[in-house]
Structure formats: C-alpha cells, structure tokens
Amino acid sequence: MGAAQLLEHMHDKTVLNDELWWWGCWTSASLQIPGFLTLTLGRHRISNFLVHRFDRDSQRSLHEGAFFAELLGSVPVHVGQTWWLHHGQKDLRYDATDPRCNWQP
C-alpha cells in the first residue's frame, strides 16, 4: 500500500471506525475469556488441568532432584557454621518480616 493510498484510507472515517470497532471487540473478548473460564470452571480445576498438561514428564522430577542435590553439594560446610531451621511456630517476639519469626539459627 502506497503513501497516497494510506492517506486515502485514513481519511475514510467509516473504514477506520469499523476497524477500530472490530479491534475493540476482539480485545474486549480476549480480556474477558480468562475471567469467565475462571468463574465457570473454578481456579483449582484450571490449575490442576495446567499441572497435568505441562508436568507429564516423569523424568522431570528426577532431573530436578539431581539439580538440587548438586546445588546443595556445591555449598561448602564448615564446623561451627550457622544453619537456620524452620521451627514452624510464629515467634511473636519478632516482626512478621523478620526471619527469626519462623526460623531459628
């Protein structure tokens, strides 16, 4: 499309308005579909579907376990090193954002 044709096309307001109307309809529908599906199917059903759809590879957990084992093996351990343990109790002496609220050295 040449520059002259583009200018003619832009001056034709009805064509431009029709195109914008269709673009608005498609945009509006595409933004409303996820919310509609969430309301009708439920958040948990969609989540479970996606987990089963994308997490089918049984070897993935083996590879992830090997990755984390390698990660943990790469951390040097020293005598007297501080380790933090999750005690699972909310220690009210500390603020909720303080790590000592749920962890102890």
C-alpha atoms as a PDB file:
ATOM      1  CA  MET A   1       0.000   0.000   0.000  1.00  0.00           C
ATOM      2  CA  GLY A   2       1.497   3.313  -1.070  1.00  0.00           C
ATOM      3  CA  ALA A   3       1.546   6.543   0.916  1.00  0.00           C
ATOM      4  CA  ALA A   4      -1.267   8.103  -1.152  1.00  0.00           C
ATOM      5  CA  GLN A   5      -3.480   5.055  -0.673  1.00  0.00           C
ATOM      6  CA  LEU A   6      -2.719   5.021   3.034  1.00  0.00           C
ATOM      7  CA  LEU A   7      -3.746   8.667   3.345  1.00  0.00           C
ATOM      8  CA  GLU A   8      -6.964   7.985   1.446  1.00  0.00           C
ATOM      9  CA  HIS A   9      -7.632   5.036   3.692  1.00  0.00           C
ATOM     10  CA  MET A  10      -7.017   7.126   6.824  1.00  0.00           C
ATOM     11  CA  HIS A  11      -9.391   9.846   5.594  1.00  0.00           C
ATOM     12  CA  ASP A  12     -12.191   7.361   5.122  1.00  0.00           C
ATOM     13  CA  LYS A  13     -13.554   7.597   8.681  1.00  0.00           C
ATOM     14  CA  THR A  14     -16.093   4.797   8.316  1.00  0.00           C
ATOM     15  CA  VAL A  15     -13.448   2.236   7.405  1.00  0.00           C
ATOM     16  CA  LEU A  16     -11.245   3.392  10.260  1.00  0.00           C
ATOM     17  CA  ASN A  17     -14.124   3.343  12.739  1.00  0.00           C
ATOM     18  CA  ASP A  18     -15.194  -0.142  11.595  1.00  0.00           C
ATOM     19  CA  GLU A  19     -11.657  -1.444  12.031  1.00  0.00           C
ATOM     20  CA  LEU A  20     -11.382   0.105  15.475  1.00  0.00           C
ATOM     21  CA  TRP A  21     -14.753  -1.347  16.453  1.00  0.00           C
ATOM     22  CA  TRP A  22     -13.678  -4.878  15.473  1.00  0.00           C
ATOM     23  CA  TRP A  23     -10.327  -4.423  17.179  1.00  0.00           C
ATOM     24  CA  GLY A  24     -12.125  -3.298  20.341  1.00  0.00           C
ATOM     25  CA  CYS A  25     -14.461  -6.298  20.231  1.00  0.00           C
ATOM     26  CA  TRP A  26     -11.599  -8.772  19.878  1.00  0.00           C
ATOM     27  CA  THR A  27      -9.563  -7.087  22.599  1.00  0.00           C
ATOM     28  CA  SER A  28     -12.514  -6.989  24.964  1.00  0.00           C
ATOM     29  CA  ALA A  29     -13.367 -10.642  24.351  1.00  0.00           C
ATOM     30  CA  SER A  30      -9.777 -11.786  24.769  1.00  0.00           C
ATOM     31  CA  LEU A  31      -9.551  -9.998  28.112  1.00  0.00           C
ATOM     32  CA  GLN A  32     -12.872 -11.369  29.395  1.00  0.00           C
ATOM     33  CA  ILE A  33     -12.435 -15.031  28.421  1.00  0.00           C
ATOM     34  CA  PRO A  34      -9.902 -15.926  31.188  1.00  0.00           C
ATOM     35  CA  GLY A  35     -12.121 -14.385  33.864  1.00  0.00           C
ATOM     36  CA  PHE A  36     -15.209 -16.134  32.518  1.00  0.00           C
ATOM     37  CA  LEU A  37     -13.419 -19.502  32.449  1.00  0.00           C
ATOM     38  CA  THR A  38     -12.159 -18.967  35.988  1.00  0.00           C
ATOM     39  CA  LEU A  39     -15.654 -18.182  37.223  1.00  0.00           C
ATOM     40  CA  THR A  40     -17.295 -21.115  35.454  1.00  0.00           C
ATOM     41  CA  LEU A  41     -14.668 -23.843  35.873  1.00  0.00           C
ATOM     42  CA  GLY A  42     -13.030 -22.740  39.102  1.00  0.00           C
ATOM     43  CA  ARG A  43      -9.485 -21.782  39.905  1.00  0.00           C
ATOM     44  CA  HIS A  44      -8.478 -25.203  41.243  1.00  0.00           C
ATOM     45  CA  ARG A  45      -9.800 -27.117  38.227  1.00  0.00           C
ATOM     46  CA  ILE A  46      -7.870 -24.860  35.827  1.00  0.00           C
ATOM     47  CA  SER A  47      -4.741 -25.151  37.961  1.00  0.00           C
ATOM     48  CA  ASN A  48      -4.972 -28.948  38.091  1.00  0.00           C
ATOM     49  CA  PHE A  49      -5.541 -29.112  34.337  1.00  0.00           C
ATOM     50  CA  LEU A  50      -2.447 -26.997  33.670  1.00  0.00           C
ATOM     51  CA  VAL A  51      -0.336 -29.013  36.108  1.00  0.00           C
ATOM     52  CA  HIS A  52      -1.329 -32.298  34.456  1.00  0.00           C
ATOM     53  CA  ARG A  53      -0.912 -30.820  30.984  1.00  0.00           C
ATOM     54  CA  PHE A  54       2.562 -29.376  31.431  1.00  0.00           C
ATOM     55  CA  ASP A  55       4.015 -31.654  34.118  1.00  0.00           C
ATOM     56  CA  ARG A  56       3.640 -35.014  32.377  1.00  0.00           C
ATOM     57  CA  ASP A  57       7.322 -35.866  32.171  1.00  0.00           C
ATOM     58  CA  SER A  58       8.128 -38.328  34.972  1.00  0.00           C
ATOM     59  CA  GLN A  59      11.843 -37.801  34.380  1.00  0.00           C
ATOM     60  CA  ARG A  60      11.488 -34.107  35.220  1.00  0.00           C
ATOM     61  CA  SER A  61      11.308 -34.736  38.977  1.00  0.00           C
ATOM     62  CA  LEU A  62      14.400 -36.944  38.751  1.00  0.00           C
ATOM     63  CA  HIS A  63      16.308 -34.206  36.928  1.00  0.00           C
ATOM     64  CA  GLU A  64      15.100 -31.547  39.363  1.00  0.00           C
ATOM     65  CA  GLY A  65      16.148 -33.695  42.323  1.00  0.00           C
ATOM     66  CA  ALA A  66      19.581 -34.164  40.801  1.00  0.00           C
ATOM     67  CA  PHE A  67      19.836 -30.424  40.199  1.00  0.00           C
ATOM     68  CA  PHE A  68      19.013 -29.565  43.812  1.00  0.00           C
ATOM     69  CA  ALA A  69      21.357 -32.257  45.112  1.00  0.00           C
ATOM     70  CA  GLU A  70      24.128 -30.741  43.006  1.00  0.00           C
ATOM     71  CA  LEU A  71      23.238 -27.289  44.283  1.00  0.00           C
ATOM     72  CA  LEU A  72      23.386 -28.444  47.897  1.00  0.00           C
ATOM     73  CA  GLY A  73      26.610 -30.327  47.223  1.00  0.00           C
ATOM     74  CA  SER A  74      28.258 -27.177  45.951  1.00  0.00           C
ATOM     75  CA  VAL A  75      27.849 -25.346  49.293  1.00  0.00           C
ATOM     76  CA  PRO A  76      30.932 -25.745  51.477  1.00  0.00           C
ATOM     77  CA  VAL A  77      30.223 -26.875  55.053  1.00  0.00           C
ATOM     78  CA  HIS A  78      32.343 -25.566  57.925  1.00  0.00           C
ATOM     79  CA  VAL A  79      32.447 -26.576  61.573  1.00  0.00           C
ATOM     80  CA  GLY A  80      30.518 -24.007  63.580  1.00  0.00           C
ATOM     81  CA  GLN A  81      28.643 -22.690  60.564  1.00  0.00           C
ATOM     82  CA  THR A  82      25.204 -21.214  61.322  1.00  0.00           C
ATOM     83  CA  TRP A  83      22.305 -23.200  59.915  1.00  0.00           C
ATOM     84  CA  TRP A  84      18.753 -21.955  60.044  1.00  0.00           C
ATOM     85  CA  LEU A  85      15.988 -24.419  60.917  1.00  0.00           C
ATOM     86  CA  HIS A  86      12.310 -23.823  60.245  1.00  0.00           C
ATOM     87  CA  HIS A  87      10.527 -24.368  63.543  1.00  0.00           C
ATOM     88  CA  GLY A  88       7.033 -23.734  62.125  1.00  0.00           C
ATOM     89  CA  GLN A  89       5.902 -21.586  65.036  1.00  0.00           C
ATOM     90  CA  LYS A  90       5.242 -17.899  64.775  1.00  0.00           C
ATOM     91  CA  ASP A  91       7.532 -16.340  67.339  1.00  0.00           C
ATOM     92  CA  LEU A  92       5.605 -13.221  68.326  1.00  0.00           C
ATOM     93  CA  ARG A  93       8.701 -11.583  69.786  1.00  0.00           C
ATOM     94  CA  TYR A  94       9.748 -10.740  66.228  1.00  0.00           C
ATOM     95  CA  ASP A  95       8.072  -8.837  63.424  1.00  0.00           C
ATOM     96  CA  ALA A  96       6.395 -10.960  60.687  1.00  0.00           C
ATOM     97  CA  THR A  97       9.026  -9.811  58.160  1.00  0.00           C
ATOM     98  CA  ASP A  98      11.913 -10.840  60.425  1.00  0.00           C
ATOM     99  CA  PRO A  99      13.333 -14.283  59.507  1.00  0.00           C
ATOM    100  CA  ARG A 100      13.569 -15.182  63.201  1.00  0.00           C
ATOM    101  CA  CYS A 101       9.761 -15.227  63.325  1.00  0.00           C
ATOM    102  CA  ASN A 102       9.707 -18.709  61.681  1.00  0.00           C
ATOM    103  CA  TRP A 103      13.368 -19.719  61.629  1.00  0.00           C
ATOM    104  CA  GLN A 104      15.948 -20.341  64.325  1.00  0.00           C
ATOM    105  CA  PRO A 105      19.732 -20.471  63.983  1.00  0.00           C
END
